[in-house]
Every structure is written in structure tokens, then in C-alpha cells.
Amino acid sequence: MKFERIVVGELGVNCYLLYSELSKECFILDPGDESEKISDMIKKKQLKPEAVILTHAHMDHCGGVENLLSEFNIPMIMHKQDIPVLESDANKELGAALGMVLPSAPNRYFKDNDTIESGGMKLKIIHTPGHTPGSVCIMTEDMLFTGDTLFAGSIGRTDLQGGNFKTITESIEIIKSLPSGLKVMPGHGDFTTLEHEIMYNPFLNN
């Protein structure tokens, strides 16, 4: 499996295109804004989008969804526990302030330990609440896409709607139990490795 990172929006969200080099099938992960920029990369790589996948429903991670769903006629998939976050007035107002139209609730959901497959790609869903109730991490053979749960040197905020510090620390323990060789691909900022975070991230090495 290959990937492309596209940094989008005023808040610098890492949107990822996860794709099969052979079949060109791809998943669009967290298209937070600038849907045209994402679409241009899809066309440049001659990819075939299968679905939009959200690690969580904050507006900066889903502000570019609507145009992509319409253009490629694909579904959006997320955890059902984040519907209240997606539909909240605060989320919509913040999105509108940045010129975004947030998507409607999807008709497809995943749950903990689900596997999404296409073109030989296998994505394992790991429910990691705390930043939001429906936050998830997405694991492949050698990568872990952590959304806003885990960053290089830090973890996600818990002072926003649906956030809970105790819950996110429990989710961090789940992440710590995963293979330490995983590359960590966060929702904002630089790549890292789980081994490095376990050693040096103060939220993981206490």
C-alpha cells in the first residue's frame, strides 16, 4: 500500500490518500478542506476512490468531504459515536467561519476491530475515544493513522466537545500495546514512530 499526504486548510490537517499501486483503488482519509487540491492529486495519480474515511468528525477533518462525495460518488464512513460532534452547532459554526459546508451523517459506519478492504489493502479500525467519543486510529501492516489521538510528542486535546482526558489516556494504553515498529501518521504535524513516542512522548512514557 502506498500513500500521499496532502496538507489542507488553515489548521494544517494531514489528508491521506491510501492506495494500491496495482489496482489504483484508494481511500481518502480526513479530507479536511481544499477538496480541489485533493481531487487534483487523485487525478494526477489516476486513482479510483472507494470511500472517504474519517478518524473523527471535527470540522477541520471533514470540511472537504461533500465535494468529494459528489464528484466521485463514494460513501463516507465514520464511527457512529461521533455523530453528535458532526452535527453540533459549534462544529457547523466553526466550519462556516472557515467557508466549509460539513457533510450530513453517513449511512455507513465502522466499529472497533472492523477491517476495511479494497485492492489488496486492509485497514483495521481501532476505536480510540478521548479526543472525541468516536475517534479511531487506522492500522495497516506498517502504519498507524492516528487522527487527533496521538501526535509526535503529544496527544489530542480533550477540552473540545466530547473530549475526555481519562478516556484518551485509556486509548493511549491501547495504542502502546500495538507493534512498536509502526510508523505513526498523525492528523496534524510530522510523522513519527510508535517506538519513538513510547520512549520520548511524556504522555506515553510515564
N, C-alpha and C. Protein backbone atom coordinates (compact mmCIF):
# COMPACT_ATOMS: atom_id res chain seq x y z
N MET A 1 0.84 -1.20 0.00
CA MET A 1 0.00 0.00 0.00
C MET A 1 0.87 1.25 0.00
N LYS A 2 0.51 2.20 -0.84
CA LYS A 2 1.20 3.49 -0.91
C LYS A 2 0.31 4.57 -0.30
N PHE A 3 0.91 5.72 -0.04
CA PHE A 3 0.11 6.83 0.46
C PHE A 3 0.66 8.15 -0.05
N GLU A 4 -0.21 9.13 -0.10
CA GLU A 4 0.17 10.52 -0.35
C GLU A 4 -0.40 11.36 0.79
N ARG A 5 0.40 12.26 1.31
CA ARG A 5 -0.10 13.21 2.31
C ARG A 5 -0.34 14.54 1.62
N ILE A 6 -1.51 15.12 1.89
CA ILE A 6 -1.86 16.44 1.37
C ILE A 6 -2.26 17.30 2.57
N VAL A 7 -1.50 18.33 2.85
CA VAL A 7 -1.81 19.20 3.99
C VAL A 7 -2.83 20.23 3.52
N VAL A 8 -3.98 20.27 4.21
CA VAL A 8 -5.08 21.10 3.74
C VAL A 8 -5.62 22.01 4.85
N GLY A 9 -6.18 23.14 4.43
CA GLY A 9 -6.92 24.01 5.33
C GLY A 9 -6.04 24.89 6.20
N GLU A 10 -6.69 25.87 6.81
CA GLU A 10 -5.99 26.83 7.67
C GLU A 10 -5.39 26.17 8.91
N LEU A 11 -5.93 25.02 9.32
CA LEU A 11 -5.43 24.33 10.51
C LEU A 11 -4.43 23.23 10.18
N GLY A 12 -4.04 23.13 8.91
CA GLY A 12 -2.98 22.22 8.52
C GLY A 12 -3.26 20.76 8.80
N VAL A 13 -4.39 20.27 8.32
CA VAL A 13 -4.75 18.86 8.52
C VAL A 13 -4.03 17.98 7.51
N ASN A 14 -3.53 16.86 7.97
CA ASN A 14 -2.95 15.86 7.08
C ASN A 14 -4.06 15.00 6.50
N CYS A 15 -4.39 15.25 5.23
CA CYS A 15 -5.28 14.35 4.49
C CYS A 15 -4.38 13.31 3.82
N TYR A 16 -4.80 12.05 3.90
CA TYR A 16 -4.01 10.97 3.31
C TYR A 16 -4.81 10.27 2.22
N LEU A 17 -4.15 9.97 1.12
CA LEU A 17 -4.69 9.08 0.10
C LEU A 17 -3.97 7.75 0.27
N LEU A 18 -4.70 6.72 0.65
CA LEU A 18 -4.14 5.38 0.81
C LEU A 18 -4.53 4.58 -0.42
N TYR A 19 -3.54 4.05 -1.16
CA TYR A 19 -3.92 3.44 -2.43
C TYR A 19 -3.06 2.21 -2.77
N SER A 20 -3.66 1.39 -3.60
CA SER A 20 -2.98 0.21 -4.14
C SER A 20 -2.23 0.61 -5.41
N GLU A 21 -0.95 0.31 -5.45
CA GLU A 21 -0.15 0.65 -6.62
C GLU A 21 -0.60 -0.13 -7.85
N LEU A 22 -1.16 -1.34 -7.63
CA LEU A 22 -1.58 -2.17 -8.74
C LEU A 22 -2.96 -1.80 -9.27
N SER A 23 -3.94 -1.77 -8.37
CA SER A 23 -5.32 -1.55 -8.81
C SER A 23 -5.69 -0.07 -8.89
N LYS A 24 -4.92 0.79 -8.20
CA LYS A 24 -5.18 2.24 -8.12
C LYS A 24 -6.40 2.57 -7.26
N GLU A 25 -7.01 1.57 -6.64
CA GLU A 25 -8.10 1.86 -5.71
C GLU A 25 -7.55 2.64 -4.51
N CYS A 26 -8.35 3.57 -4.00
CA CYS A 26 -7.83 4.37 -2.90
C CYS A 26 -8.92 4.73 -1.90
N PHE A 27 -8.48 5.02 -0.68
CA PHE A 27 -9.32 5.58 0.36
C PHE A 27 -8.84 7.00 0.65
N ILE A 28 -9.78 7.90 0.87
CA ILE A 28 -9.46 9.28 1.19
C ILE A 28 -9.67 9.46 2.68
N LEU A 29 -8.59 9.72 3.39
CA LEU A 29 -8.64 9.80 4.85
C LEU A 29 -8.58 11.26 5.30
N ASP A 30 -9.63 11.70 6.00
CA ASP A 30 -9.70 13.04 6.59
C ASP A 30 -9.49 14.18 5.59
N PRO A 31 -10.37 14.29 4.59
CA PRO A 31 -10.27 15.43 3.68
C PRO A 31 -10.85 16.69 4.32
N GLY A 32 -10.00 17.40 5.07
CA GLY A 32 -10.48 18.48 5.92
C GLY A 32 -10.88 19.74 5.21
N ASP A 33 -10.34 19.98 4.02
CA ASP A 33 -10.62 21.21 3.28
C ASP A 33 -9.94 21.08 1.92
N GLU A 34 -10.08 22.11 1.10
CA GLU A 34 -9.41 22.17 -0.20
C GLU A 34 -9.64 20.91 -1.02
N SER A 35 -10.91 20.60 -1.24
CA SER A 35 -11.26 19.38 -1.96
C SER A 35 -10.68 19.36 -3.38
N GLU A 36 -10.54 20.54 -3.98
CA GLU A 36 -9.99 20.58 -5.35
C GLU A 36 -8.53 20.13 -5.36
N LYS A 37 -7.79 20.52 -4.34
CA LYS A 37 -6.39 20.10 -4.20
C LYS A 37 -6.30 18.58 -4.07
N ILE A 38 -7.22 18.01 -3.29
CA ILE A 38 -7.25 16.55 -3.11
C ILE A 38 -7.64 15.86 -4.41
N SER A 39 -8.67 16.39 -5.06
CA SER A 39 -9.13 15.83 -6.32
C SER A 39 -8.05 15.87 -7.39
N ASP A 40 -7.30 16.96 -7.43
CA ASP A 40 -6.22 17.08 -8.42
C ASP A 40 -5.17 16.00 -8.22
N MET A 41 -4.84 15.69 -6.96
CA MET A 41 -3.85 14.65 -6.69
C MET A 41 -4.40 13.27 -7.09
N ILE A 42 -5.68 13.05 -6.82
CA ILE A 42 -6.31 11.78 -7.21
C ILE A 42 -6.22 11.59 -8.72
N LYS A 43 -6.49 12.64 -9.47
CA LYS A 43 -6.45 12.56 -10.94
C LYS A 43 -5.02 12.42 -11.44
N LYS A 44 -4.10 13.14 -10.80
CA LYS A 44 -2.69 13.05 -11.20
C LYS A 44 -2.16 11.63 -11.04
N LYS A 45 -2.55 10.98 -9.96
CA LYS A 45 -2.11 9.61 -9.68
C LYS A 45 -2.99 8.57 -10.37
N GLN A 46 -4.06 9.01 -11.04
CA GLN A 46 -5.02 8.13 -11.71
C GLN A 46 -5.61 7.11 -10.74
N LEU A 47 -6.02 7.61 -9.58
CA LEU A 47 -6.57 6.74 -8.54
C LEU A 47 -8.07 6.59 -8.69
N LYS A 48 -8.59 5.54 -8.05
CA LYS A 48 -10.02 5.22 -8.11
C LYS A 48 -10.56 5.23 -6.68
N PRO A 49 -11.13 6.35 -6.24
CA PRO A 49 -11.61 6.45 -4.86
C PRO A 49 -12.72 5.45 -4.56
N GLU A 50 -12.60 4.80 -3.38
CA GLU A 50 -13.60 3.85 -2.92
C GLU A 50 -14.46 4.42 -1.79
N ALA A 51 -13.89 5.28 -0.95
CA ALA A 51 -14.63 5.83 0.19
C ALA A 51 -13.82 6.94 0.83
N VAL A 52 -14.53 7.83 1.51
CA VAL A 52 -13.92 8.77 2.44
C VAL A 52 -14.01 8.14 3.83
N ILE A 53 -12.91 8.15 4.56
CA ILE A 53 -12.87 7.61 5.93
C ILE A 53 -12.47 8.74 6.87
N LEU A 54 -13.23 8.92 7.95
CA LEU A 54 -12.92 9.95 8.94
C LEU A 54 -12.38 9.32 10.22
N THR A 55 -11.26 9.87 10.71
CA THR A 55 -10.78 9.44 12.02
C THR A 55 -11.63 10.04 13.13
N HIS A 56 -12.25 11.18 12.86
CA HIS A 56 -13.21 11.80 13.77
C HIS A 56 -13.91 12.92 13.02
N ALA A 57 -14.91 13.54 13.65
CA ALA A 57 -15.83 14.40 12.91
C ALA A 57 -15.64 15.90 13.15
N HIS A 58 -14.53 16.32 13.73
CA HIS A 58 -14.31 17.76 13.84
C HIS A 58 -14.23 18.38 12.46
N MET A 59 -14.70 19.62 12.38
CA MET A 59 -14.87 20.27 11.08
C MET A 59 -13.57 20.35 10.28
N ASP A 60 -12.42 20.48 10.94
CA ASP A 60 -11.18 20.60 10.19
C ASP A 60 -10.75 19.30 9.54
N HIS A 61 -11.44 18.20 9.87
CA HIS A 61 -11.13 16.90 9.27
C HIS A 61 -12.19 16.46 8.24
N CYS A 62 -13.26 17.21 8.12
CA CYS A 62 -14.31 16.78 7.18
C CYS A 62 -14.85 17.91 6.32
N GLY A 63 -14.19 19.07 6.32
CA GLY A 63 -14.69 20.21 5.57
C GLY A 63 -14.64 20.06 4.06
N GLY A 64 -13.85 19.11 3.56
CA GLY A 64 -13.77 18.90 2.12
C GLY A 64 -14.55 17.69 1.63
N VAL A 65 -15.31 17.07 2.53
CA VAL A 65 -15.97 15.80 2.19
C VAL A 65 -17.04 15.95 1.12
N GLU A 66 -17.93 16.92 1.27
CA GLU A 66 -19.12 16.99 0.42
C GLU A 66 -18.77 17.00 -1.06
N ASN A 67 -17.81 17.83 -1.46
CA ASN A 67 -17.45 17.91 -2.87
C ASN A 67 -16.88 16.61 -3.39
N LEU A 68 -16.11 15.91 -2.56
CA LEU A 68 -15.50 14.65 -2.99
C LEU A 68 -16.55 13.54 -3.12
N LEU A 69 -17.51 13.51 -2.19
CA LEU A 69 -18.58 12.52 -2.30
C LEU A 69 -19.36 12.70 -3.58
N SER A 70 -19.62 13.96 -3.91
CA SER A 70 -20.38 14.27 -5.12
C SER A 70 -19.59 13.97 -6.38
N GLU A 71 -18.33 14.36 -6.39
CA GLU A 71 -17.51 14.19 -7.60
C GLU A 71 -17.26 12.72 -7.92
N PHE A 72 -17.00 11.90 -6.89
CA PHE A 72 -16.61 10.51 -7.13
C PHE A 72 -17.70 9.50 -6.81
N ASN A 73 -18.84 9.97 -6.31
CA ASN A 73 -19.98 9.10 -6.00
C ASN A 73 -19.56 7.96 -5.08
N ILE A 74 -18.98 8.33 -3.93
CA ILE A 74 -18.47 7.36 -2.96
C ILE A 74 -19.10 7.63 -1.60
N PRO A 75 -19.07 6.65 -0.70
CA PRO A 75 -19.62 6.85 0.65
C PRO A 75 -18.60 7.47 1.59
N MET A 76 -19.10 7.99 2.70
CA MET A 76 -18.27 8.41 3.81
C MET A 76 -18.50 7.43 4.95
N ILE A 77 -17.42 7.03 5.63
CA ILE A 77 -17.52 6.06 6.72
C ILE A 77 -16.87 6.66 7.95
N MET A 78 -17.54 6.52 9.09
CA MET A 78 -17.02 7.04 10.36
C MET A 78 -17.61 6.23 11.51
N HIS A 79 -17.19 6.53 12.73
CA HIS A 79 -17.73 5.86 13.90
C HIS A 79 -19.01 6.57 14.32
N LYS A 80 -20.04 5.78 14.64
CA LYS A 80 -21.35 6.35 14.94
C LYS A 80 -21.34 7.25 16.17
N GLN A 81 -20.42 7.01 17.10
CA GLN A 81 -20.40 7.82 18.32
C GLN A 81 -19.98 9.26 18.07
N ASP A 82 -19.49 9.57 16.86
CA ASP A 82 -19.13 10.95 16.55
C ASP A 82 -20.23 11.72 15.83
N ILE A 83 -21.38 11.12 15.65
CA ILE A 83 -22.49 11.86 15.02
C ILE A 83 -22.85 13.12 15.81
N PRO A 84 -22.96 13.10 17.14
CA PRO A 84 -23.25 14.34 17.86
C PRO A 84 -22.20 15.43 17.64
N VAL A 85 -20.95 15.03 17.47
CA VAL A 85 -19.89 16.01 17.17
C VAL A 85 -20.09 16.59 15.78
N LEU A 86 -20.32 15.72 14.80
CA LEU A 86 -20.52 16.17 13.42
C LEU A 86 -21.68 17.16 13.32
N GLU A 87 -22.76 16.86 14.03
CA GLU A 87 -23.99 17.63 13.88
C GLU A 87 -24.12 18.79 14.87
N SER A 88 -23.12 19.01 15.70
CA SER A 88 -23.22 20.04 16.73
C SER A 88 -23.19 21.44 16.11
N ASP A 89 -23.86 22.37 16.76
CA ASP A 89 -23.87 23.76 16.29
C ASP A 89 -22.46 24.33 16.27
N ALA A 90 -21.67 24.01 17.30
CA ALA A 90 -20.31 24.55 17.37
C ALA A 90 -19.48 24.09 16.18
N ASN A 91 -19.60 22.82 15.83
CA ASN A 91 -18.85 22.28 14.70
C ASN A 91 -19.26 22.97 13.40
N LYS A 92 -20.56 23.14 13.22
CA LYS A 92 -21.06 23.78 12.00
C LYS A 92 -20.66 25.24 11.93
N GLU A 93 -20.72 25.93 13.07
CA GLU A 93 -20.38 27.36 13.08
C GLU A 93 -18.90 27.57 12.82
N LEU A 94 -18.05 26.74 13.40
CA LEU A 94 -16.62 26.86 13.15
C LEU A 94 -16.30 26.54 11.69
N GLY A 95 -16.98 25.53 11.15
CA GLY A 95 -16.79 25.20 9.74
C GLY A 95 -17.22 26.34 8.83
N ALA A 96 -18.38 26.92 9.13
CA ALA A 96 -18.89 28.03 8.32
C ALA A 96 -17.94 29.22 8.36
N ALA A 97 -17.33 29.46 9.52
CA ALA A 97 -16.40 30.58 9.65
C ALA A 97 -15.19 30.40 8.75
N LEU A 98 -14.87 29.15 8.41
CA LEU A 98 -13.76 28.86 7.52
C LEU A 98 -14.22 28.54 6.10
N GLY A 99 -15.50 28.80 5.83
CA GLY A 99 -16.03 28.60 4.48
C GLY A 99 -16.34 27.16 4.13
N MET A 100 -16.56 26.32 5.15
CA MET A 100 -16.82 24.90 4.90
C MET A 100 -18.31 24.59 5.01
N VAL A 101 -18.74 23.62 4.22
CA VAL A 101 -20.06 23.01 4.39
C VAL A 101 -19.82 21.59 4.86
N LEU A 102 -20.25 21.28 6.08
CA LEU A 102 -19.96 19.96 6.64
C LEU A 102 -20.91 18.92 6.07
N PRO A 103 -20.47 17.67 5.99
CA PRO A 103 -21.30 16.62 5.41
C PRO A 103 -22.44 16.21 6.33
N SER A 104 -23.44 15.61 5.74
CA SER A 104 -24.52 15.02 6.51
C SER A 104 -24.04 13.71 7.13
N ALA A 105 -24.82 13.18 8.06
CA ALA A 105 -24.46 11.90 8.67
C ALA A 105 -24.38 10.82 7.59
N PRO A 106 -23.39 9.96 7.66
CA PRO A 106 -23.25 8.91 6.65
C PRO A 106 -24.27 7.79 6.85
N ASN A 107 -24.38 6.95 5.85
CA ASN A 107 -25.21 5.75 6.01
C ASN A 107 -24.35 4.50 6.19
N ARG A 108 -23.04 4.70 6.35
CA ARG A 108 -22.13 3.59 6.64
C ARG A 108 -21.27 3.96 7.84
N TYR A 109 -21.12 3.01 8.74
CA TYR A 109 -20.32 3.23 9.94
C TYR A 109 -19.38 2.04 10.13
N PHE A 110 -18.30 2.27 10.85
CA PHE A 110 -17.48 1.16 11.30
C PHE A 110 -17.46 1.13 12.81
N LYS A 111 -16.99 0.02 13.36
CA LYS A 111 -16.86 -0.13 14.80
C LYS A 111 -15.49 -0.73 15.10
N ASP A 112 -15.16 -0.79 16.37
CA ASP A 112 -13.86 -1.29 16.80
C ASP A 112 -13.58 -2.67 16.22
N ASN A 113 -12.36 -2.84 15.72
CA ASN A 113 -11.86 -4.10 15.15
C ASN A 113 -12.42 -4.44 13.78
N ASP A 114 -13.20 -3.55 13.19
CA ASP A 114 -13.62 -3.77 11.81
C ASP A 114 -12.41 -3.69 10.88
N THR A 115 -12.51 -4.37 9.74
CA THR A 115 -11.49 -4.28 8.70
C THR A 115 -12.14 -3.79 7.42
N ILE A 116 -11.54 -2.79 6.81
CA ILE A 116 -12.00 -2.27 5.53
C ILE A 116 -10.99 -2.72 4.48
N GLU A 117 -11.47 -3.36 3.42
CA GLU A 117 -10.58 -3.93 2.41
C GLU A 117 -10.94 -3.46 1.02
N SER A 118 -9.90 -3.25 0.21
CA SER A 118 -10.09 -2.94 -1.21
C SER A 118 -8.74 -3.00 -1.90
N GLY A 119 -8.70 -3.58 -3.08
CA GLY A 119 -7.48 -3.59 -3.87
C GLY A 119 -6.28 -4.20 -3.16
N GLY A 120 -6.52 -5.18 -2.29
CA GLY A 120 -5.45 -5.79 -1.54
C GLY A 120 -5.05 -5.02 -0.29
N MET A 121 -5.67 -3.87 -0.07
CA MET A 121 -5.39 -3.09 1.14
C MET A 121 -6.30 -3.56 2.27
N LYS A 122 -5.74 -3.61 3.48
CA LYS A 122 -6.52 -3.95 4.66
C LYS A 122 -6.29 -2.88 5.72
N LEU A 123 -7.36 -2.23 6.12
CA LEU A 123 -7.30 -1.19 7.13
C LEU A 123 -8.06 -1.67 8.36
N LYS A 124 -7.37 -1.77 9.49
CA LYS A 124 -8.02 -2.19 10.73
C LYS A 124 -8.43 -0.97 11.54
N ILE A 125 -9.67 -0.93 11.97
CA ILE A 125 -10.21 0.18 12.75
C ILE A 125 -10.00 -0.10 14.24
N ILE A 126 -9.39 0.85 14.93
CA ILE A 126 -9.18 0.74 16.38
C ILE A 126 -9.86 1.94 17.03
N HIS A 127 -10.90 1.67 17.80
CA HIS A 127 -11.65 2.75 18.45
C HIS A 127 -10.79 3.33 19.58
N THR A 128 -10.47 4.61 19.47
CA THR A 128 -9.60 5.28 20.46
C THR A 128 -10.25 6.58 20.91
N PRO A 129 -11.34 6.50 21.67
CA PRO A 129 -12.04 7.72 22.10
C PRO A 129 -11.21 8.55 23.06
N GLY A 130 -11.65 9.79 23.22
CA GLY A 130 -10.99 10.69 24.15
C GLY A 130 -10.88 12.09 23.57
N HIS A 131 -10.33 12.20 22.36
CA HIS A 131 -10.37 13.48 21.66
C HIS A 131 -11.81 13.80 21.28
N THR A 132 -12.48 12.79 20.76
CA THR A 132 -13.94 12.78 20.58
C THR A 132 -14.41 11.37 20.92
N PRO A 133 -15.72 11.19 21.15
CA PRO A 133 -16.21 9.84 21.51
C PRO A 133 -16.01 8.80 20.41
N GLY A 134 -16.01 9.23 19.16
CA GLY A 134 -15.89 8.29 18.06
C GLY A 134 -14.55 8.31 17.36
N SER A 135 -13.53 8.87 18.00
CA SER A 135 -12.20 8.89 17.38
C SER A 135 -11.69 7.48 17.16
N VAL A 136 -11.03 7.28 16.03
CA VAL A 136 -10.43 5.99 15.73
C VAL A 136 -9.01 6.18 15.22
N CYS A 137 -8.20 5.13 15.35
CA CYS A 137 -6.94 5.00 14.65
C CYS A 137 -7.12 3.93 13.58
N ILE A 138 -6.34 4.03 12.52
CA ILE A 138 -6.46 3.11 11.40
C ILE A 138 -5.10 2.47 11.17
N MET A 139 -5.03 1.16 11.31
CA MET A 139 -3.76 0.45 11.24
C MET A 139 -3.66 -0.36 9.96
N THR A 140 -2.50 -0.25 9.30
CA THR A 140 -2.14 -1.11 8.19
C THR A 140 -0.99 -2.00 8.66
N GLU A 141 -0.34 -2.70 7.74
CA GLU A 141 0.75 -3.58 8.12
C GLU A 141 1.87 -2.84 8.84
N ASP A 142 2.18 -1.61 8.39
CA ASP A 142 3.33 -0.92 8.98
C ASP A 142 3.05 0.53 9.37
N MET A 143 1.80 0.97 9.26
CA MET A 143 1.47 2.35 9.57
C MET A 143 0.25 2.44 10.49
N LEU A 144 0.22 3.49 11.29
CA LEU A 144 -0.91 3.76 12.16
C LEU A 144 -1.33 5.21 11.96
N PHE A 145 -2.50 5.40 11.39
CA PHE A 145 -3.04 6.74 11.16
C PHE A 145 -3.86 7.12 12.40
N THR A 146 -3.36 8.11 13.13
CA THR A 146 -3.87 8.34 14.49
C THR A 146 -4.82 9.52 14.61
N GLY A 147 -5.15 10.19 13.50
CA GLY A 147 -6.05 11.33 13.62
C GLY A 147 -5.53 12.33 14.64
N ASP A 148 -6.41 12.77 15.53
CA ASP A 148 -6.00 13.71 16.58
C ASP A 148 -5.88 13.03 17.94
N THR A 149 -5.66 11.71 17.94
CA THR A 149 -5.45 11.00 19.20
C THR A 149 -3.99 11.07 19.64
N LEU A 150 -3.07 10.86 18.71
CA LEU A 150 -1.65 10.84 19.04
C LEU A 150 -0.88 11.65 18.02
N PHE A 151 -0.01 12.54 18.52
CA PHE A 151 0.87 13.34 17.68
C PHE A 151 2.32 13.06 18.06
N ALA A 152 3.24 13.55 17.24
CA ALA A 152 4.65 13.49 17.61
C ALA A 152 4.86 14.36 18.84
N GLY A 153 5.16 13.73 19.96
CA GLY A 153 5.45 14.45 21.19
C GLY A 153 4.27 14.87 22.02
N SER A 154 3.06 14.53 21.59
CA SER A 154 1.88 14.97 22.34
C SER A 154 0.70 14.06 22.04
N ILE A 155 -0.45 14.41 22.62
CA ILE A 155 -1.71 13.72 22.33
C ILE A 155 -2.77 14.77 22.01
N GLY A 156 -3.95 14.32 21.62
CA GLY A 156 -5.01 15.23 21.22
C GLY A 156 -5.61 16.02 22.37
N ARG A 157 -6.17 17.15 22.03
CA ARG A 157 -6.85 17.98 23.02
C ARG A 157 -8.09 17.26 23.53
N THR A 158 -8.42 17.56 24.78
CA THR A 158 -9.64 16.99 25.37
C THR A 158 -10.56 18.08 25.91
N ASP A 159 -10.28 19.33 25.57
CA ASP A 159 -11.10 20.44 26.06
C ASP A 159 -12.13 20.90 25.04
N LEU A 160 -12.27 20.14 23.94
CA LEU A 160 -13.30 20.43 22.94
C LEU A 160 -14.50 19.52 23.18
N GLN A 161 -15.57 19.75 22.42
CA GLN A 161 -16.79 18.97 22.61
C GLN A 161 -16.52 17.47 22.51
N GLY A 162 -16.97 16.72 23.51
CA GLY A 162 -16.81 15.28 23.51
C GLY A 162 -15.47 14.80 24.02
N GLY A 163 -14.57 15.72 24.36
CA GLY A 163 -13.25 15.33 24.83
C GLY A 163 -13.27 14.85 26.28
N ASN A 164 -12.37 13.93 26.59
CA ASN A 164 -12.29 13.40 27.95
C ASN A 164 -10.86 12.91 28.18
N PHE A 165 -10.15 13.54 29.12
CA PHE A 165 -8.74 13.21 29.31
C PHE A 165 -8.56 11.79 29.81
N LYS A 166 -9.37 11.36 30.76
CA LYS A 166 -9.25 9.99 31.27
C LYS A 166 -9.43 8.97 30.15
N THR A 167 -10.40 9.24 29.29
CA THR A 167 -10.68 8.32 28.19
C THR A 167 -9.54 8.28 27.20
N ILE A 168 -8.96 9.44 26.88
CA ILE A 168 -7.87 9.42 25.90
C ILE A 168 -6.64 8.73 26.47
N THR A 169 -6.41 8.83 27.78
CA THR A 169 -5.27 8.12 28.36
C THR A 169 -5.47 6.60 28.29
N GLU A 170 -6.72 6.16 28.41
CA GLU A 170 -7.02 4.73 28.24
C GLU A 170 -6.78 4.31 26.78
N SER A 171 -7.13 5.20 25.84
CA SER A 171 -6.88 4.90 24.43
C SER A 171 -5.39 4.85 24.13
N ILE A 172 -4.63 5.71 24.78
CA ILE A 172 -3.18 5.70 24.60
C ILE A 172 -2.58 4.37 25.05
N GLU A 173 -3.13 3.79 26.11
CA GLU A 173 -2.67 2.48 26.56
C GLU A 173 -2.93 1.41 25.49
N ILE A 174 -4.06 1.52 24.81
CA ILE A 174 -4.35 0.60 23.70
C ILE A 174 -3.30 0.76 22.61
N ILE A 175 -3.00 2.01 22.26
CA ILE A 175 -2.01 2.28 21.22
C ILE A 175 -0.64 1.75 21.62
N LYS A 176 -0.28 1.91 22.88
CA LYS A 176 1.02 1.44 23.35
C LYS A 176 1.18 -0.07 23.22
N SER A 177 0.07 -0.79 23.19
CA SER A 177 0.12 -2.25 23.09
C SER A 177 0.31 -2.74 21.65
N LEU A 178 0.27 -1.84 20.69
CA LEU A 178 0.42 -2.21 19.28
C LEU A 178 1.90 -2.41 18.95
N PRO A 179 2.21 -3.02 17.81
CA PRO A 179 3.62 -3.25 17.45
C PRO A 179 4.41 -1.94 17.42
N SER A 180 5.53 -1.91 18.13
CA SER A 180 6.27 -0.66 18.30
C SER A 180 6.91 -0.18 17.00
N GLY A 181 7.02 -1.05 16.02
CA GLY A 181 7.62 -0.66 14.75
C GLY A 181 6.71 0.14 13.84
N LEU A 182 5.47 0.34 14.23
CA LEU A 182 4.53 1.08 13.39
C LEU A 182 4.98 2.53 13.18
N LYS A 183 4.84 3.00 11.96
CA LYS A 183 5.02 4.42 11.68
C LYS A 183 3.73 5.13 12.08
N VAL A 184 3.85 6.22 12.80
CA VAL A 184 2.68 6.97 13.25
C VAL A 184 2.44 8.14 12.30
N MET A 185 1.25 8.16 11.72
CA MET A 185 0.87 9.18 10.75
C MET A 185 -0.27 10.01 11.36
N PRO A 186 0.04 11.13 12.00
CA PRO A 186 -0.98 11.87 12.74
C PRO A 186 -1.82 12.78 11.86
N GLY A 187 -2.87 13.33 12.47
CA GLY A 187 -3.78 14.21 11.76
C GLY A 187 -3.24 15.61 11.55
N HIS A 188 -2.21 15.98 12.28
CA HIS A 188 -1.51 17.25 12.11
C HIS A 188 -0.04 17.01 12.38
N GLY A 189 0.83 17.74 11.70
CA GLY A 189 2.24 17.71 12.03
C GLY A 189 3.00 16.55 11.41
N ASP A 190 4.20 16.31 11.98
CA ASP A 190 5.16 15.39 11.39
C ASP A 190 4.85 13.92 11.70
N PHE A 191 5.39 13.06 10.84
CA PHE A 191 5.36 11.62 11.07
C PHE A 191 6.28 11.28 12.24
N THR A 192 6.04 10.13 12.85
CA THR A 192 6.91 9.64 13.91
C THR A 192 6.81 8.12 13.92
N THR A 193 7.31 7.48 14.95
CA THR A 193 7.14 6.04 15.10
C THR A 193 6.59 5.77 16.49
N LEU A 194 5.90 4.67 16.63
CA LEU A 194 5.36 4.33 17.94
C LEU A 194 6.49 4.08 18.94
N GLU A 195 7.55 3.47 18.48
CA GLU A 195 8.69 3.22 19.37
C GLU A 195 9.24 4.53 19.93
N HIS A 196 9.39 5.52 19.06
CA HIS A 196 9.91 6.82 19.50
C HIS A 196 8.97 7.47 20.51
N GLU A 197 7.66 7.40 20.23
CA GLU A 197 6.70 8.04 21.14
C GLU A 197 6.67 7.34 22.50
N ILE A 198 6.77 6.03 22.52
CA ILE A 198 6.79 5.30 23.79
C ILE A 198 8.01 5.71 24.62
N MET A 199 9.11 6.00 23.94
CA MET A 199 10.34 6.36 24.65
C MET A 199 10.34 7.82 25.09
N TYR A 200 9.80 8.73 24.25
CA TYR A 200 10.04 10.16 24.49
C TYR A 200 8.78 11.01 24.69
N ASN A 201 7.64 10.53 24.27
CA ASN A 201 6.41 11.30 24.46
C ASN A 201 6.00 11.25 25.92
N PRO A 202 5.90 12.39 26.62
CA PRO A 202 5.60 12.35 28.06
C PRO A 202 4.25 11.74 28.39
N PHE A 203 3.34 11.68 27.41
CA PHE A 203 2.03 11.09 27.66
C PHE A 203 2.05 9.56 27.50
N LEU A 204 3.15 9.04 26.96
CA LEU A 204 3.25 7.60 26.76
C LEU A 204 4.29 6.92 27.64
N ASN A 205 5.26 7.69 28.13
CA ASN A 205 6.36 7.03 28.85
C ASN A 205 6.30 7.24 30.34
N ASN A 206 5.10 7.60 30.86
CA ASN A 206 5.01 7.80 32.33
C ASN A 206 4.82 6.44 33.02
